[in-house]
Protein backbone atom coordinates (compact mmCIF):
# COMPACT_ATOMS: atom_id res chain seq x y z
CA MET A 1 -130.45 58.98 -164.19
CA ASN A 2 -128.54 61.11 -161.69
CA LEU A 3 -129.59 64.12 -159.59
CA GLU A 4 -128.57 66.77 -162.11
CA GLU A 5 -130.30 64.99 -165.00
CA ILE A 6 -133.59 64.58 -163.15
CA LYS A 7 -133.48 68.20 -161.91
CA THR A 8 -133.13 69.40 -165.49
CA LEU A 9 -136.09 67.31 -166.68
CA GLU A 10 -138.22 68.30 -163.69
CA LYS A 11 -137.62 71.99 -164.32
CA GLN A 12 -138.45 71.60 -168.01
CA TYR A 13 -141.60 69.50 -167.74
CA VAL A 14 -143.10 69.86 -164.24
CA MET A 15 -144.92 72.89 -162.82
CA GLN A 16 -142.67 74.56 -160.27
CA THR A 17 -145.08 74.37 -157.35
CA TYR A 18 -142.68 72.65 -154.91
CA ALA A 19 -139.41 73.79 -153.36
CA ARG A 20 -137.83 70.34 -153.47
CA ASN A 21 -134.85 69.31 -151.38
CA ASP A 22 -131.67 68.77 -153.38
CA LEU A 23 -132.00 65.00 -153.08
CA PHE A 24 -132.88 62.22 -155.54
CA LEU A 25 -134.28 59.24 -153.62
CA VAL A 26 -134.28 55.92 -155.46
CA ASN A 27 -134.86 53.15 -152.92
CA GLY A 28 -136.08 52.43 -149.43
CA GLN A 29 -136.14 49.64 -146.86
CA GLY A 30 -137.85 49.87 -143.49
CA CYS A 31 -137.03 53.29 -142.03
CA MET A 32 -134.11 53.87 -144.39
CA LEU A 33 -134.03 55.79 -147.68
CA TYR A 34 -131.23 55.77 -150.26
CA ASP A 35 -130.28 58.38 -152.86
CA ASP A 36 -128.81 57.99 -156.34
CA LYS A 37 -125.27 58.19 -154.92
CA GLY A 38 -125.86 55.35 -152.44
CA ASN A 39 -126.10 57.59 -149.37
CA SER A 40 -128.47 56.39 -146.66
CA TYR A 41 -130.90 58.42 -144.55
CA ILE A 42 -133.18 57.66 -141.62
CA ASP A 43 -136.64 58.73 -142.77
CA MET A 44 -138.30 60.93 -140.14
CA THR A 45 -140.89 62.15 -142.67
CA SER A 46 -142.83 59.04 -143.73
CA GLY A 47 -143.76 60.86 -146.93
CA ILE A 48 -145.43 63.52 -144.72
CA GLY A 49 -147.04 60.98 -142.41
CA VAL A 50 -148.03 58.47 -145.09
CA ASN A 51 -145.57 55.57 -144.96
CA CYS A 52 -146.57 54.34 -141.52
CA LEU A 53 -145.12 50.87 -142.21
CA GLY A 54 -141.94 52.30 -143.65
CA HIS A 55 -140.65 51.35 -147.08
CA ASN A 56 -140.91 48.02 -148.87
CA HIS A 57 -142.83 46.37 -146.03
CA PRO A 58 -143.14 42.69 -147.02
CA ALA A 59 -146.80 42.31 -146.01
CA LEU A 60 -147.79 45.43 -147.95
CA VAL A 61 -145.74 44.46 -151.01
CA GLU A 62 -147.25 40.96 -151.02
CA ALA A 63 -150.82 42.23 -150.64
CA LEU A 64 -150.46 44.75 -153.48
CA HIS A 65 -148.80 42.20 -155.76
CA ASP A 66 -151.66 39.80 -155.12
CA GLN A 67 -154.36 42.42 -155.69
CA SER A 68 -152.71 43.75 -158.87
CA GLN A 69 -153.04 40.30 -160.41
CA LYS A 70 -156.79 40.22 -159.72
CA LEU A 71 -158.37 43.67 -160.11
CA MET A 72 -156.96 47.19 -159.67
CA HIS A 73 -160.07 49.25 -160.33
CA THR A 74 -163.77 48.75 -161.05
CA SER A 75 -165.42 51.98 -159.76
CA ASN A 76 -168.24 52.16 -157.23
CA LEU A 77 -170.76 50.77 -159.69
CA TYR A 78 -169.94 47.33 -158.32
CA TYR A 79 -169.23 45.62 -154.98
CA THR A 80 -165.62 44.96 -153.95
CA GLU A 81 -164.36 43.14 -150.87
CA PRO A 82 -161.35 45.19 -149.63
CA MET A 83 -163.44 48.38 -149.34
CA VAL A 84 -166.06 46.64 -147.23
CA GLN A 85 -163.46 44.97 -145.01
CA VAL A 86 -161.70 48.26 -144.29
CA ALA A 87 -165.02 49.97 -143.48
CA LYS A 88 -165.92 47.12 -141.13
CA GLU A 89 -162.59 47.35 -139.28
CA LEU A 90 -162.84 51.12 -138.89
CA VAL A 91 -166.43 51.08 -137.65
CA GLU A 92 -165.93 48.22 -135.22
CA SER A 93 -162.78 49.85 -133.80
CA THR A 94 -164.39 53.23 -133.15
CA GLY A 95 -168.09 52.74 -132.50
CA MET A 96 -168.92 54.92 -135.49
CA SER A 97 -171.59 53.92 -138.01
CA LYS A 98 -170.63 54.31 -141.69
CA VAL A 99 -167.64 55.11 -143.92
CA PHE A 100 -167.26 56.99 -147.21
CA PHE A 101 -164.01 56.53 -149.15
CA ALA A 102 -162.19 59.24 -151.08
CA ASN A 103 -158.64 59.78 -152.38
CA SER A 104 -157.02 62.34 -150.09
CA GLY A 105 -157.35 64.33 -146.90
CA ALA A 106 -158.58 67.42 -148.73
CA GLU A 107 -161.25 65.43 -150.52
CA ALA A 108 -162.27 63.80 -147.24
CA ASN A 109 -162.62 67.19 -145.53
CA GLU A 110 -164.58 68.52 -148.50
CA GLY A 111 -167.00 65.65 -147.92
CA VAL A 112 -167.19 66.50 -144.21
CA ILE A 113 -168.29 70.05 -144.99
CA LYS A 114 -170.84 68.95 -147.59
CA LEU A 115 -172.32 66.40 -145.20
CA ALA A 116 -172.57 68.91 -142.35
CA ARG A 117 -174.29 71.53 -144.49
CA LYS A 118 -176.76 68.97 -145.82
CA TYR A 119 -177.49 67.75 -142.27
CA SER A 120 -178.23 71.26 -140.99
CA SER A 121 -180.11 72.30 -144.12
CA ASP A 122 -182.42 69.31 -143.78
CA ARG A 123 -183.22 70.09 -140.15
CA TYR A 124 -182.85 73.84 -139.70
CA GLY A 125 -182.89 75.47 -143.12
CA GLN A 126 -180.31 77.03 -145.39
CA HIS A 127 -179.38 79.85 -142.98
CA ARG A 128 -177.40 77.35 -140.84
CA TYR A 129 -174.28 76.78 -142.93
CA LYS A 130 -171.26 78.35 -141.18
CA VAL A 131 -168.16 76.29 -140.40
CA LEU A 132 -165.96 77.10 -137.42
CA SER A 133 -162.35 75.97 -137.62
CA LEU A 134 -159.31 76.97 -135.60
CA VAL A 135 -156.58 79.53 -136.10
CA GLN A 136 -153.40 77.74 -137.28
CA SER A 137 -155.41 74.80 -138.64
CA PHE A 138 -154.84 73.11 -141.99
CA HIS A 139 -157.55 71.13 -143.79
CA GLY A 140 -156.49 70.88 -147.46
CA ARG A 141 -156.00 72.72 -150.72
CA THR A 142 -159.35 72.54 -152.49
CA MET A 143 -161.13 75.88 -152.51
CA MET A 144 -163.44 74.79 -149.69
CA THR A 145 -160.80 73.19 -147.46
CA LEU A 146 -158.34 76.00 -148.16
CA THR A 147 -160.93 78.42 -146.82
CA ALA A 148 -161.47 76.18 -143.79
CA THR A 149 -157.73 76.38 -143.12
CA GLY A 150 -157.15 78.97 -140.40
CA GLN A 151 -153.91 80.46 -141.71
CA ASP A 152 -153.88 83.80 -143.55
CA LYS A 153 -150.93 82.84 -145.73
CA PHE A 154 -153.11 80.30 -147.55
CA HIS A 155 -155.88 82.81 -148.23
CA GLN A 156 -154.17 84.46 -151.18
CA TYR A 157 -154.44 84.58 -154.98
CA PHE A 158 -157.57 82.46 -155.55
CA TYR A 159 -160.34 84.98 -154.88
CA PRO A 160 -163.21 84.85 -154.28
CA PHE A 161 -163.08 82.22 -151.55
CA PRO A 162 -166.26 80.35 -150.52
CA ASP A 163 -168.46 82.02 -147.94
CA GLY A 164 -169.38 80.68 -144.53
CA PHE A 165 -166.16 80.18 -142.56
CA GLU A 166 -164.93 81.71 -139.31
CA TYR A 167 -161.87 81.00 -137.17
CA VAL A 168 -161.66 80.40 -133.43
CA ILE A 169 -158.50 80.91 -131.39
CA ALA A 170 -157.36 77.44 -130.36
CA ASN A 171 -157.87 76.64 -126.66
CA ASP A 172 -159.84 79.87 -126.11
CA ILE A 173 -163.27 78.69 -124.99
CA GLU A 174 -164.63 82.23 -124.61
CA ASP A 175 -163.75 83.06 -128.21
CA PHE A 176 -165.49 79.85 -129.27
CA LYS A 177 -168.65 80.67 -127.29
CA GLN A 178 -168.86 84.11 -128.90
CA LYS A 179 -168.71 82.62 -132.40
CA LEU A 180 -171.04 79.66 -131.82
CA ASP A 181 -174.22 81.34 -133.06
CA ASP A 182 -177.34 79.98 -134.77
CA SER A 183 -175.70 80.07 -138.22
CA VAL A 184 -173.06 77.44 -137.32
CA CYS A 185 -173.52 73.90 -138.63
CA LEU A 186 -170.05 72.42 -138.07
CA VAL A 187 -166.95 72.71 -135.90
CA LEU A 188 -163.85 71.23 -137.55
CA MET A 189 -160.75 70.55 -135.42
CA GLU A 190 -157.40 68.78 -135.55
CA MET A 191 -156.46 67.36 -132.16
CA ILE A 192 -152.86 68.27 -133.02
CA GLN A 193 -152.38 71.04 -135.57
CA GLY A 194 -149.74 69.43 -137.75
CA GLU A 195 -149.04 71.97 -140.48
CA GLY A 196 -149.65 74.74 -137.96
CA GLY A 197 -146.56 73.70 -135.99
CA VAL A 198 -147.39 70.42 -134.17
CA LEU A 199 -149.70 72.16 -131.70
CA PRO A 200 -151.74 69.81 -129.46
CA LEU A 201 -155.13 71.10 -128.39
CA ASP A 202 -155.99 71.33 -124.72
CA LYS A 203 -158.13 68.38 -123.67
CA THR A 204 -160.50 70.50 -121.57
CA PHE A 205 -161.07 72.86 -124.50
CA VAL A 206 -161.88 69.99 -126.86
CA GLN A 207 -164.29 68.40 -124.41
CA GLU A 208 -166.09 71.69 -123.68
CA VAL A 209 -166.41 72.48 -127.41
CA THR A 210 -167.86 69.04 -128.04
CA LYS A 211 -170.31 69.37 -125.14
CA LEU A 212 -171.57 72.79 -126.29
CA CYS A 213 -171.95 71.60 -129.88
CA HIS A 214 -173.92 68.53 -128.90
CA GLN A 215 -176.28 70.71 -126.87
CA LYS A 216 -177.01 72.81 -129.98
CA ASP A 217 -176.93 69.89 -132.46
CA VAL A 218 -173.93 71.46 -134.17
CA LEU A 219 -171.83 68.71 -135.72
CA VAL A 220 -168.30 68.08 -134.45
CA ALA A 221 -165.78 66.83 -136.99
CA VAL A 222 -162.24 65.77 -136.15
CA ASP A 223 -159.63 66.02 -138.89
CA GLU A 224 -157.46 62.93 -138.37
CA VAL A 225 -155.69 63.15 -141.73
CA GLN A 226 -152.27 63.44 -140.07
CA THR A 227 -152.98 62.28 -136.52
CA GLY A 228 -154.91 59.11 -137.37
CA ILE A 229 -153.99 55.46 -138.03
CA GLY A 230 -151.81 54.97 -134.97
CA ARG A 231 -149.65 58.08 -135.34
CA THR A 232 -150.25 59.30 -131.76
CA GLY A 233 -150.51 55.90 -130.06
CA SER A 234 -154.22 55.22 -130.59
CA LEU A 235 -156.00 54.35 -133.82
CA PHE A 236 -157.34 57.92 -133.87
CA CYS A 237 -156.05 60.76 -131.75
CA TYR A 238 -159.52 61.89 -130.62
CA GLN A 239 -159.82 58.66 -128.64
CA GLN A 240 -157.20 60.01 -126.22
CA TYR A 241 -159.28 63.18 -125.80
CA GLU A 242 -162.25 61.09 -124.61
CA ILE A 243 -164.83 62.58 -126.97
CA GLN A 244 -167.19 61.05 -129.51
CA PRO A 245 -167.29 63.20 -132.66
CA ASP A 246 -170.05 63.12 -135.24
CA ILE A 247 -167.65 62.87 -138.19
CA VAL A 248 -163.99 61.87 -138.56
CA SER A 249 -161.85 62.46 -141.64
CA MET A 250 -158.78 60.36 -142.45
CA ALA A 251 -156.16 59.80 -145.14
CA LYS A 252 -152.31 59.64 -145.22
CA GLY A 253 -151.29 56.60 -143.13
CA LEU A 254 -154.40 54.58 -143.95
CA GLY A 255 -152.96 53.53 -147.32
CA GLY A 256 -149.39 53.01 -146.15
CA GLY A 257 -148.15 54.76 -149.30
CA LEU A 258 -151.14 54.55 -151.63
CA PRO A 259 -153.57 57.48 -151.99
CA ILE A 260 -156.73 57.07 -149.95
CA GLY A 261 -158.99 59.23 -147.83
CA GLY A 262 -162.29 58.79 -146.09
CA ILE A 263 -164.83 59.98 -143.57
CA MET A 264 -166.59 58.11 -140.78
CA THR A 265 -169.92 59.22 -139.39
CA ASN A 266 -171.97 58.40 -136.34
CA GLU A 267 -175.48 57.00 -136.65
CA LYS A 268 -177.32 60.32 -136.93
CA CYS A 269 -175.14 61.41 -139.86
CA SER A 270 -174.94 58.06 -141.61
CA THR A 271 -177.90 58.56 -143.97
CA VAL A 272 -177.53 62.28 -144.74
CA LEU A 273 -175.91 61.70 -148.13
CA GLN A 274 -178.01 59.51 -150.38
CA ALA A 275 -177.25 57.93 -153.77
CA GLY A 276 -176.02 60.50 -156.28
CA MET A 277 -175.38 63.29 -153.74
CA HIS A 278 -171.65 62.65 -153.36
CA GLY A 279 -169.13 60.39 -155.06
CA SER A 280 -165.58 59.72 -156.18
CA THR A 281 -164.42 57.67 -159.17
CA PHE A 282 -161.36 56.32 -157.37
CA GLY A 283 -162.88 56.29 -153.87
CA GLY A 284 -162.56 52.80 -152.38
CA ASN A 285 -160.14 51.78 -155.13
CA LEU A 286 -159.15 48.12 -154.84
CA MET A 287 -155.41 48.71 -154.57
CA SER A 288 -155.76 51.47 -151.98
CA THR A 289 -158.24 49.60 -149.81
CA ARG A 290 -156.23 46.38 -150.03
CA ALA A 291 -153.28 48.41 -148.75
CA ALA A 292 -155.49 49.81 -145.98
CA MET A 293 -156.54 46.28 -144.98
CA THR A 294 -152.89 45.39 -144.54
CA VAL A 295 -152.06 48.59 -142.64
CA LEU A 296 -154.93 48.10 -140.19
CA SER A 297 -154.14 44.42 -139.65
CA ILE A 298 -150.70 45.43 -138.37
CA ILE A 299 -151.27 48.79 -136.69
CA ASN A 300 -154.69 48.30 -135.13
CA GLN A 301 -153.39 45.98 -132.42
CA LYS A 302 -153.10 46.91 -128.75
CA GLU A 303 -149.44 45.91 -128.53
CA PHE A 304 -148.48 47.90 -131.62
CA LEU A 305 -150.27 51.05 -130.48
CA GLU A 306 -148.71 50.78 -127.04
CA SER A 307 -145.29 50.51 -128.66
CA VAL A 308 -145.95 53.79 -130.52
CA LYS A 309 -146.71 55.50 -127.20
CA GLU A 310 -143.62 54.03 -125.57
CA LYS A 311 -141.28 54.96 -128.42
CA GLY A 312 -142.82 58.41 -128.62
CA LYS A 313 -142.22 59.06 -124.91
CA TYR A 314 -138.68 57.71 -125.14
CA PHE A 315 -137.95 59.93 -128.14
CA MET A 316 -139.51 63.09 -126.69
CA ASP A 317 -137.76 62.64 -123.34
CA ALA A 318 -134.41 62.27 -125.10
CA LEU A 319 -134.98 65.35 -127.28
CA GLN A 320 -136.03 67.39 -124.23
CA ASN A 321 -132.84 66.35 -122.44
CA ILE A 322 -130.54 67.74 -125.13
CA GLN A 323 -128.71 70.67 -123.59
CA SER A 324 -129.07 73.40 -126.21
CA GLN A 325 -130.26 76.99 -126.16
CA ASP A 326 -131.45 76.49 -129.75
CA ILE A 327 -134.15 73.97 -128.77
CA LEU A 328 -136.95 76.13 -127.40
CA GLU A 329 -139.60 73.42 -126.89
CA VAL A 330 -140.41 69.81 -127.72
CA ARG A 331 -144.12 68.98 -128.10
CA GLY A 332 -146.41 66.40 -129.60
CA MET A 333 -147.91 63.00 -128.93
CA GLY A 334 -146.80 59.49 -129.85
CA LEU A 335 -144.61 59.63 -132.95
CA MET A 336 -145.83 63.07 -134.03
CA ILE A 337 -143.28 65.46 -132.57
CA GLY A 338 -142.32 69.08 -133.09
CA VAL A 339 -138.95 70.50 -132.06
CA VAL A 340 -139.31 74.29 -131.83
CA VAL A 341 -136.29 76.36 -132.88
CA ASP A 342 -135.48 79.91 -133.93
CA GLU A 343 -137.25 80.64 -137.21
CA LYS A 344 -134.14 82.15 -138.78
CA LYS A 345 -131.98 79.13 -137.91
CA ARG A 346 -134.42 76.35 -138.83
CA ALA A 347 -133.38 75.87 -142.47
CA GLY A 348 -129.76 75.52 -141.40
CA PHE A 349 -130.65 72.88 -138.80
CA VAL A 350 -132.68 70.91 -141.34
CA LYS A 351 -129.73 70.93 -143.76
CA LYS A 352 -127.28 69.85 -141.08
CA LEU A 353 -129.54 66.96 -140.04
CA GLN A 354 -129.72 65.84 -143.67
CA GLU A 355 -125.93 65.92 -143.81
CA LYS A 356 -125.97 63.66 -140.73
CA GLY A 357 -128.26 61.23 -142.57
CA VAL A 358 -131.59 62.26 -141.02
CA LEU A 359 -134.49 63.57 -143.12
CA VAL A 360 -137.00 65.80 -141.29
CA LEU A 361 -139.99 68.02 -142.03
CA THR A 362 -140.93 71.53 -140.99
CA ALA A 363 -144.25 72.94 -139.76
CA GLY A 364 -145.47 76.39 -138.88
CA SER A 365 -142.77 79.03 -138.64
CA GLN A 366 -140.51 77.39 -136.06
CA ALA A 367 -141.06 73.64 -135.73
CA ILE A 368 -138.92 70.83 -137.05
CA ARG A 369 -141.57 68.16 -137.53
CA LEU A 370 -140.80 64.47 -136.94
CA LEU A 371 -143.15 61.84 -138.37
CA PRO A 372 -141.14 58.60 -138.54
CA PRO A 373 -142.57 55.28 -139.74
CA LEU A 374 -144.42 53.73 -136.82
CA ILE A 375 -142.23 50.63 -137.11
CA ILE A 376 -139.08 52.57 -136.21
CA SER A 377 -136.87 50.84 -133.63
CA LYS A 378 -135.34 52.37 -130.51
CA GLU A 379 -131.91 51.74 -132.06
CA GLU A 380 -132.87 53.90 -135.03
CA LEU A 381 -134.32 56.54 -132.71
CA ASP A 382 -131.00 56.54 -130.85
CA GLN A 383 -129.22 57.33 -134.12
CA VAL A 384 -131.59 60.25 -134.70
CA ILE A 385 -131.08 61.48 -131.12
CA GLN A 386 -127.31 61.32 -131.64
CA ALA A 387 -127.64 63.38 -134.82
CA PHE A 388 -129.73 65.99 -132.99
CA GLN A 389 -127.16 66.14 -130.19
CA GLU A 390 -124.34 66.73 -132.69
CA VAL A 391 -126.29 69.37 -134.64
CA PHE A 392 -127.59 71.27 -131.61
CA SER A 393 -124.58 70.99 -129.28
């Protein structure tokens, strides 16, 4: 099947909810992707931050082949080993207490909100239910997580939206203090607002928010759906902000390409949800958790995480050194980088990079977002830097 054939079938049979790039990808190896015509591309998207080990990673392929020959799914009515092993690794690496597994970032964040409201309802009554999130945040596309998303463009069409959400200006501690009243049960933050434009939060702001919340027993949840699993140079980004949240959500990179999500809680939140209060048929699925075992065995090593920091600094420094009036700013952390350009020119730059054999993402109104596989080499980064220099010179 070629590009034109698959486009015809897609238009006929698939809901038109995505503005797809004019590209039919058929194969991948490491950080490289190949289309139906045999053209090669350096993947700076990782499937929107998912394929942290790149494509066709031998350890991941072997683990999934092995698991598929044993069991692929049993549900949570029974005990399974990969789920428990992943939970153990996550808890022991973070000092958290318990894990709940879901299928996606949105589902994980939905669970975060449910847990927080149950926690506050148990202790303070039903009047304490409000969730504070940040302007320019993104937390998912379920009705609840869409409402938690602090971007007006997402708050369309699906009225009425759930009640009990308010938005704080990121890095504005006075705005936060004004909105932290007795009705608030949860503060939900991304350490780097990915979909919002690759916008890192100020460390002092995050620490002050966490301190004020702990004083009032308001739960602090960190959305690590995009920033977690080594993306910024630590297992979770919040660890570089030197805080201890009550709840952490995760997804994307944890499965290395398979759908998985989850939440971690500290001790005080670990028993809030009892049997029957929350669940997920595919949560903790054997294939997904076996993939997560493999991902963590490779990524959750000091040397690997340090290499992400080193490559990220090398990459950002090189991008910042490109002499171009069209590059307005380079920001990010580790291998999560945003190159800020003129909004009107961005689509053209993205197309030109694709023509140079580099696939990139966008975020917010101005950022070209770069989320390469964490295994990317400096030689491959040099090829990307060369492409940027040619496009922006």
